[in-house]
Each structure stands twice: as C-alpha cells, then as structure tokens.
C-alpha atoms as a PDB file:
ATOM      1  CA  MET A   1     -68.644 -37.662  -7.210  1.00  0.00           C
ATOM      2  CA  SER A   2     -65.798 -39.615  -8.740  1.00  0.00           C
ATOM      3  CA  ASP A   3     -66.380 -38.064 -12.179  1.00  0.00           C
ATOM      4  CA  ARG A   4     -66.413 -34.561 -10.701  1.00  0.00           C
ATOM      5  CA  PHE A   5     -63.143 -35.210  -8.822  1.00  0.00           C
ATOM      6  CA  ASN A   6     -61.503 -36.544 -11.969  1.00  0.00           C
ATOM      7  CA  THR A   7     -62.639 -33.476 -13.882  1.00  0.00           C
ATOM      8  CA  ILE A   8     -61.164 -31.105 -11.277  1.00  0.00           C
ATOM      9  CA  ALA A   9     -57.924 -33.087 -11.113  1.00  0.00           C
ATOM     10  CA  GLY A  10     -57.680 -33.034 -14.890  1.00  0.00           C
ATOM     11  CA  TRP A  11     -58.121 -29.292 -15.085  1.00  0.00           C
ATOM     12  CA  ALA A  12     -55.550 -28.793 -12.292  1.00  0.00           C
ATOM     13  CA  LEU A  13     -53.041 -30.981 -14.157  1.00  0.00           C
ATOM     14  CA  PHE A  14     -53.749 -29.131 -17.384  1.00  0.00           C
ATOM     15  CA  GLY A  15     -53.203 -25.791 -15.648  1.00  0.00           C
ATOM     16  CA  GLY A  16     -49.863 -26.979 -14.252  1.00  0.00           C
ATOM     17  CA  ILE A  17     -48.698 -28.063 -17.686  1.00  0.00           C
ATOM     18  CA  ILE A  18     -49.645 -24.658 -19.141  1.00  0.00           C
ATOM     19  CA  ALA A  19     -47.771 -22.780 -16.367  1.00  0.00           C
ATOM     20  CA  LEU A  20     -44.674 -24.930 -16.810  1.00  0.00           C
ATOM     21  CA  GLY A  21     -44.691 -24.453 -20.544  1.00  0.00           C
ATOM     22  CA  SER A  22     -45.152 -20.692 -20.231  1.00  0.00           C
ATOM     23  CA  GLY A  23     -42.161 -20.472 -17.876  1.00  0.00           C
ATOM     24  CA  ILE A  24     -39.934 -22.353 -20.306  1.00  0.00           C
ATOM     25  CA  VAL A  25     -41.009 -20.214 -23.261  1.00  0.00           C
ATOM     26  CA  SER A  26     -40.564 -16.916 -21.387  1.00  0.00           C
ATOM     27  CA  SER A  27     -37.091 -17.922 -20.189  1.00  0.00           C
ATOM     28  CA  LYS A  28     -36.047 -18.552 -23.776  1.00  0.00           C
ATOM     29  CA  LEU A  29     -37.486 -15.277 -25.019  1.00  0.00           C
ATOM     30  CA  PHE A  30     -36.262 -12.978 -22.253  1.00  0.00           C
ATOM     31  CA  HIS A  31     -33.001 -14.596 -21.138  1.00  0.00           C
ATOM     32  CA  ALA A  32     -30.259 -11.977 -20.705  1.00  0.00           C
ATOM     33  CA  GLU A  33     -26.547 -12.699 -20.454  1.00  0.00           C
ATOM     34  CA  ARG A  34     -24.533 -11.215 -17.550  1.00  0.00           C
ATOM     35  CA  PRO A  35     -22.904  -8.029 -18.852  1.00  0.00           C
ATOM     36  CA  GLU A  36     -19.143  -8.202 -19.152  1.00  0.00           C
ATOM     37  CA  PRO A  37     -18.544  -4.780 -17.568  1.00  0.00           C
ATOM     38  CA  MET A  38     -20.604  -4.652 -14.386  1.00  0.00           C
ATOM     39  CA  GLY A  39     -22.173  -1.236 -13.828  1.00  0.00           C
ATOM     40  CA  TYR A  40     -20.811   1.988 -15.206  1.00  0.00           C
ATOM     41  CA  ALA A  41     -17.224   3.180 -15.006  1.00  0.00           C
ATOM     42  CA  ILE A  42     -16.916   6.531 -13.235  1.00  0.00           C
ATOM     43  CA  GLU A  43     -13.997   8.567 -14.451  1.00  0.00           C
ATOM     44  CA  GLY A  44     -11.636   9.874 -11.810  1.00  0.00           C
ATOM     45  CA  VAL A  45     -12.514   7.200  -9.226  1.00  0.00           C
ATOM     46  CA  GLU A  46      -9.861   4.573  -8.510  1.00  0.00           C
ATOM     47  CA  ALA A  47     -10.740   0.955  -7.947  1.00  0.00           C
ATOM     48  CA  GLU A  48     -10.293  -0.328  -4.402  1.00  0.00           C
ATOM     49  CA  GLY A  49      -6.653  -1.133  -3.732  1.00  0.00           C
ATOM     50  CA  GLU A  50      -5.361   1.074  -6.543  1.00  0.00           C
ATOM     51  CA  GLY A  51      -3.292   4.113  -5.789  1.00  0.00           C
ATOM     52  CA  GLY A  52      -2.310   2.794  -2.366  1.00  0.00           C
ATOM     53  CA  ALA A  53       1.355   3.481  -3.044  1.00  0.00           C
ATOM     54  CA  SER A  54       0.725   7.143  -3.895  1.00  0.00           C
ATOM     55  CA  GLY A  55       1.662   9.891  -1.482  1.00  0.00           C
ATOM     56  CA  PRO A  56       4.852  11.525  -0.235  1.00  0.00           C
ATOM     57  CA  SER A  57       8.013   9.435  -0.331  1.00  0.00           C
ATOM     58  CA  LEU A  58       9.805   8.325   2.828  1.00  0.00           C
ATOM     59  CA  ASN A  59      12.527  10.944   2.243  1.00  0.00           C
ATOM     60  CA  THR A  60       9.924  13.703   1.996  1.00  0.00           C
ATOM     61  CA  LEU A  61       8.165  12.503   5.142  1.00  0.00           C
ATOM     62  CA  LEU A  62      11.434  12.286   7.075  1.00  0.00           C
ATOM     63  CA  ALA A  63      12.475  15.780   5.968  1.00  0.00           C
ATOM     64  CA  SER A  64       9.339  17.180   7.612  1.00  0.00           C
ATOM     65  CA  ALA A  65       9.009  14.618  10.404  1.00  0.00           C
ATOM     66  CA  ASP A  66       7.742  15.669  13.839  1.00  0.00           C
ATOM     67  CA  VAL A  67      10.062  14.256  16.498  1.00  0.00           C
ATOM     68  CA  ALA A  68       7.613  15.078  19.308  1.00  0.00           C
ATOM     69  CA  ALA A  69       4.887  13.194  17.478  1.00  0.00           C
ATOM     70  CA  GLY A  70       7.314  10.306  17.007  1.00  0.00           C
ATOM     71  CA  GLU A  71       7.914  10.196  20.754  1.00  0.00           C
ATOM     72  CA  LYS A  72       4.168   9.829  21.261  1.00  0.00           C
ATOM     73  CA  VAL A  73       4.089   6.970  18.751  1.00  0.00           C
ATOM     74  CA  PHE A  74       6.928   5.327  20.690  1.00  0.00           C
ATOM     75  CA  ALA A  75       4.559   5.088  23.658  1.00  0.00           C
ATOM     76  CA  LYS A  76       3.186   1.996  21.885  1.00  0.00           C
ATOM     77  CA  CYS A  77       6.639   0.406  22.138  1.00  0.00           C
ATOM     78  CA  VAL A  78       7.577   1.022  25.784  1.00  0.00           C
ATOM     79  CA  ALA A  79       5.963  -2.207  26.971  1.00  0.00           C
ATOM     80  CA  CYS A  80       8.762  -4.103  25.209  1.00  0.00           C
ATOM     81  CA  HIS A  81      11.583  -1.611  24.546  1.00  0.00           C
ATOM     82  CA  THR A  82      13.715   0.931  26.351  1.00  0.00           C
ATOM     83  CA  VAL A  83      15.409   3.698  24.380  1.00  0.00           C
ATOM     84  CA  ASN A  84      17.682   5.398  26.940  1.00  0.00           C
ATOM     85  CA  GLN A  85      21.447   5.015  26.760  1.00  0.00           C
ATOM     86  CA  GLY A  86      22.508   1.946  28.718  1.00  0.00           C
ATOM     87  CA  GLY A  87      18.886   0.857  29.137  1.00  0.00           C
ATOM     88  CA  ALA A  88      18.163  -2.784  29.801  1.00  0.00           C
ATOM     89  CA  ASN A  89      16.774  -5.181  27.248  1.00  0.00           C
ATOM     90  CA  GLY A  90      13.239  -6.301  27.936  1.00  0.00           C
ATOM     91  CA  ILE A  91      10.895  -8.361  25.813  1.00  0.00           C
ATOM     92  CA  GLY A  92      12.589  -6.489  22.973  1.00  0.00           C
ATOM     93  CA  PRO A  93      16.079  -5.000  22.766  1.00  0.00           C
ATOM     94  CA  ASN A  94      17.108  -1.570  23.987  1.00  0.00           C
ATOM     95  CA  LEU A  95      16.867   0.832  21.028  1.00  0.00           C
ATOM     96  CA  TRP A  96      19.466   3.477  21.907  1.00  0.00           C
ATOM     97  CA  ALA A  97      21.433   4.370  18.723  1.00  0.00           C
ATOM     98  CA  ILE A  98      19.518   1.780  16.716  1.00  0.00           C
ATOM     99  CA  VAL A  99      19.555   3.728  13.441  1.00  0.00           C
ATOM    100  CA  GLY A 100      22.590   2.562  11.451  1.00  0.00           C
ATOM    101  CA  ASP A 101      23.212  -0.413  13.753  1.00  0.00           C
ATOM    102  CA  PRO A 102      23.483  -3.990  12.381  1.00  0.00           C
ATOM    103  CA  ILE A 103      20.157  -5.798  12.013  1.00  0.00           C
ATOM    104  CA  GLY A 104      19.652  -8.708  14.429  1.00  0.00           C
ATOM    105  CA  HIS A 105      23.034  -8.445  16.163  1.00  0.00           C
ATOM    106  CA  GLY A 106      24.537  -6.719  19.177  1.00  0.00           C
ATOM    107  CA  ARG A 107      22.150  -4.934  21.500  1.00  0.00           C
ATOM    108  CA  GLY A 108      23.808  -6.263  24.627  1.00  0.00           C
ATOM    109  CA  GLY A 109      23.504  -9.896  23.598  1.00  0.00           C
ATOM    110  CA  PHE A 110      19.747  -9.801  23.018  1.00  0.00           C
ATOM    111  CA  ALA A 111      18.429 -13.139  21.698  1.00  0.00           C
ATOM    112  CA  PHE A 112      17.245 -12.187  18.218  1.00  0.00           C
ATOM    113  CA  SER A 113      15.285 -14.634  16.106  1.00  0.00           C
ATOM    114  CA  ASP A 114      17.123 -16.489  13.367  1.00  0.00           C
ATOM    115  CA  ALA A 115      14.743 -14.876  10.857  1.00  0.00           C
ATOM    116  CA  LEU A 116      15.943 -11.397  11.778  1.00  0.00           C
ATOM    117  CA  LYS A 117      19.594 -12.431  11.956  1.00  0.00           C
ATOM    118  CA  LYS A 118      19.412 -13.664   8.368  1.00  0.00           C
ATOM    119  CA  VAL A 119      18.233 -10.293   7.016  1.00  0.00           C
ATOM    120  CA  GLY A 120      21.696  -8.779   7.238  1.00  0.00           C
ATOM    121  CA  GLY A 121      22.735  -5.191   6.636  1.00  0.00           C
ATOM    122  CA  ASN A 122      22.054  -2.227   8.875  1.00  0.00           C
ATOM    123  CA  TRP A 123      18.982  -0.437  10.124  1.00  0.00           C
ATOM    124  CA  THR A 124      18.719   2.263   7.473  1.00  0.00           C
ATOM    125  CA  PHE A 125      15.759   4.605   7.333  1.00  0.00           C
ATOM    126  CA  GLU A 126      14.290   2.461   4.543  1.00  0.00           C
ATOM    127  CA  GLN A 127      14.796  -0.801   6.446  1.00  0.00           C
ATOM    128  CA  LEU A 128      13.214   0.643   9.570  1.00  0.00           C
ATOM    129  CA  ASP A 129      10.248   1.851   7.527  1.00  0.00           C
ATOM    130  CA  HIS A 130       9.806  -1.643   6.064  1.00  0.00           C
ATOM    131  CA  TRP A 131      10.113  -3.238   9.512  1.00  0.00           C
ATOM    132  CA  LEU A 132       7.659  -0.836  11.137  1.00  0.00           C
ATOM    133  CA  THR A 133       5.159  -1.391   8.325  1.00  0.00           C
ATOM    134  CA  SER A 134       5.034  -5.137   9.009  1.00  0.00           C
ATOM    135  CA  PRO A 135       7.681  -6.950  11.073  1.00  0.00           C
ATOM    136  CA  ARG A 136       6.483 -10.343   9.834  1.00  0.00           C
ATOM    137  CA  SER A 137       6.728  -9.226   6.216  1.00  0.00           C
ATOM    138  CA  PHE A 138      10.231  -7.903   6.838  1.00  0.00           C
ATOM    139  CA  ALA A 139      11.454 -11.040   8.600  1.00  0.00           C
ATOM    140  CA  ASN A 140       9.070 -13.980   8.330  1.00  0.00           C
ATOM    141  CA  GLY A 141       9.434 -15.907  11.571  1.00  0.00           C
ATOM    142  CA  THR A 142      10.347 -12.945  13.776  1.00  0.00           C
ATOM    143  CA  LYS A 143       9.442 -13.216  17.448  1.00  0.00           C
ATOM    144  CA  MET A 144       8.025  -9.700  17.445  1.00  0.00           C
ATOM    145  CA  SER A 145       4.230  -9.867  17.647  1.00  0.00           C
ATOM    146  CA  PHE A 146       3.576  -6.198  16.852  1.00  0.00           C
ATOM    147  CA  ALA A 147       1.409  -5.934  13.723  1.00  0.00           C
ATOM    148  CA  GLY A 148       2.992  -2.719  12.444  1.00  0.00           C
ATOM    149  CA  LEU A 149       2.107   0.927  11.810  1.00  0.00           C
ATOM    150  CA  SER A 150      -0.165   1.517   8.840  1.00  0.00           C
ATOM    151  CA  LYS A 151       0.292   5.307   8.556  1.00  0.00           C
ATOM    152  CA  PRO A 152       3.474   6.397   6.715  1.00  0.00           C
ATOM    153  CA  GLU A 153       3.531   9.641   8.735  1.00  0.00           C
ATOM    154  CA  ASP A 154       3.578   7.719  12.029  1.00  0.00           C
ATOM    155  CA  ARG A 155       6.465   5.570  10.820  1.00  0.00           C
ATOM    156  CA  ALA A 156       8.469   8.589   9.628  1.00  0.00           C
ATOM    157  CA  ASN A 157       7.886  10.455  12.894  1.00  0.00           C
ATOM    158  CA  LEU A 158       8.922   7.409  14.926  1.00  0.00           C
ATOM    159  CA  ILE A 159      12.067   6.863  12.844  1.00  0.00           C
ATOM    160  CA  ALA A 160      12.999  10.536  13.252  1.00  0.00           C
ATOM    161  CA  TYR A 161      12.527  10.222  17.012  1.00  0.00           C
ATOM    162  CA  LEU A 162      14.613   7.045  17.241  1.00  0.00           C
ATOM    163  CA  ASN A 163      17.317   8.792  15.211  1.00  0.00           C
ATOM    164  CA  THR A 164      17.591  11.489  17.892  1.00  0.00           C
ATOM    165  CA  GLN A 165      18.198   8.815  20.510  1.00  0.00           C
ATOM    166  CA  GLY A 166      21.917   8.245  20.050  1.00  0.00           C
ATOM    167  CA  SER A 167      22.204   7.951  16.260  1.00  0.00           C
ATOM    168  CA  ASN A 168      21.705  11.487  14.914  1.00  0.00           C
ATOM    169  CA  LEU A 169      22.272  10.548  11.290  1.00  0.00           C
ATOM    170  CA  PRO A 170      21.472  13.301   8.760  1.00  0.00           C
ATOM    171  CA  LEU A 171      17.907  13.022   7.511  1.00  0.00           C
ATOM    172  CA  PRO A 172      17.433  12.893   3.744  1.00  0.00           C
ATOM    173  CA  ALA A 173      16.277  15.950   1.840  1.00  0.00           C
ATOM    174  CA  ALA A 174      12.722  16.097   0.570  1.00  0.00           C
ATOM    175  CA  GLU A 175      12.357  14.915  -2.993  1.00  0.00           C
ATOM    176  CA  ALA A 176      11.407  17.577  -5.521  1.00  0.00           C
ATOM    177  CA  PRO A 177       7.907  17.064  -6.946  1.00  0.00           C
ATOM    178  CA  ALA A 178       7.813  15.949 -10.542  1.00  0.00           C
ATOM    179  CA  ALA A 179       7.277  18.882 -12.910  1.00  0.00           C
ATOM    180  CA  GLU A 180       3.685  18.719 -14.090  1.00  0.00           C
ATOM    181  CA  GLY A 181       3.562  18.249 -17.817  1.00  0.00           C
ATOM    182  CA  GLY A 182       7.352  18.136 -17.997  1.00  0.00           C
ATOM    183  CA  ALA A 183       7.460  15.314 -20.505  1.00  0.00           C
ATOM    184  CA  ASP A 184       4.813  16.968 -22.693  1.00  0.00           C
ATOM    185  CA  ASN A 185       6.664  20.291 -22.648  1.00  0.00           C
ATOM    186  CA  ALA A 186       9.911  18.583 -23.588  1.00  0.00           C
ATOM    187  CA  GLY A 187       8.174  16.782 -26.436  1.00  0.00           C
ATOM    188  CA  ASN A 188       6.577  20.004 -27.685  1.00  0.00           C
ATOM    189  CA  ALA A 189       9.917  21.824 -27.573  1.00  0.00           C
ATOM    190  CA  ALA A 190      11.604  19.071 -29.571  1.00  0.00           C
ATOM    191  CA  GLU A 191       8.794  19.115 -32.118  1.00  0.00           C
ATOM    192  CA  ALA A 192       9.003  22.897 -32.450  1.00  0.00           C
ATOM    193  CA  GLY A 193      12.764  22.692 -32.912  1.00  0.00           C
ATOM    194  CA  ALA A 194      12.378  20.127 -35.664  1.00  0.00           C
ATOM    195  CA  GLU A 195       9.800  22.267 -37.455  1.00  0.00           C
ATOM    196  CA  GLY A 196      12.059  25.305 -37.215  1.00  0.00           C
ATOM    197  CA  ALA A 197      15.004  23.416 -38.668  1.00  0.00           C
ATOM    198  CA  ALA A 198      12.864  22.219 -41.571  1.00  0.00           C
ATOM    199  CA  ALA A 199      11.698  25.775 -42.283  1.00  0.00           C
ATOM    200  CA  ASN A 200      15.258  27.097 -42.293  1.00  0.00           C
ATOM    201  CA  ALA A 201      16.369  24.379 -44.663  1.00  0.00           C
ATOM    202  CA  ALA A 202      13.562  25.236 -47.072  1.00  0.00           C
ATOM    203  CA  THR A 203      14.296  29.021 -47.010  1.00  0.00           C
ATOM    204  CA  PRO A 204      17.156  30.310 -49.148  1.00  0.00           C
ATOM    205  CA  HIS A 205      19.886  32.002 -47.123  1.00  0.00           C
ATOM    206  CA  GLU A 206      21.315  35.337 -48.157  1.00  0.00           C
END
C-alpha cells in the first residue's frame, strides 16, 4: 500500500513539474508586448474632450439670441434674484441694468464676496458669459452656489434678456465665417503671380 501511494504521489509531482515547465516555456515563446497605439485610429473622429471649444462665437450667438428663451432660462434664477427696476435684493442682488455695471459693487449695498469684489471691471457680455459658465471659475470663493449653464445658447439668450432689463446696450454683430480655403487660394494666387512674372522676364519684349 505504501509503495503504491508513493508511486502515485511521484507521478503527481512529476506531472506538476511538467505543467509548470510548459507554462514557463510557452510564456517565453508567445509573450506579446502591449501595442503602443491602442486600437485603430478612425479618421474624422475626434478624441473625447477635443473640439469642445468649436461652435459659434459669443458675438454670433448674441446677434441671434432669443430674448424670450432667455427669460425662460432666467426662471432658474428667480429663487435668488429679482430683475425688475427697484426690486429688492434677496439671496442674490437685484439684476436690473446689470449689463455694463461694475462687478461686485453697488446693487443697493448688497454684500458681495471679497472674491467677486477683487475681479474688477464691468459686467461686459464676455464677463457675464464667463460668470454664467462657472461662477466659481470666474471668482474662486464666490458665495454663489449655482453651478453654471453648460449650453452656450442658454447663456447668450439669458445675457440678451438681462440686457433688455434696464441696460439696452447694443449687441455685437455676428462674426463673418472664415472663408473656406482662403489661405490656400491666397497662396495659389501668389504662386501664379510669381510664375507669370518669371515668364515675362524670360520673354523678349517688343
């Protein structure tokens, strides 16, 4: 019985050694390095996070802004702000004639945060767009807890609406789209002009 057990144990040990050795050999033979470029690049598809800044400019959005839509966006603000002339300050300041007004000052003595007071300047269309995108990014330490509006169209519509409430500053004109292939056409024209000049120089004049 003891001899038979030893024989079985020996064969089991031998089999384990063979399996271990085979694994080591196969890993050496078939080891593959991680490819540097993962997967295949697909032309015309942008990586995540790229191209986020593309789209109409603020001026273009303001030129075609929908004031009525901006009033609807302002419904998100009425819990903290009034916008009527002579309206009382609440959790936030009254916003009548806010466009063009100094940043972090005035507003009937509203207690602005030091972070906003330090920004300086006036509430231009660009400054309002920055503020509405992310108040904390605009003035780190602001007391305003609103996260911001992610859609550029919503911000432009809201700014246009606020502008009609006592400010009425002229909205900027839409920016002309860049001429497609303009640089290439200019380069081709210059090249053609140079070739023409060389041909004239090489041809005798009567």
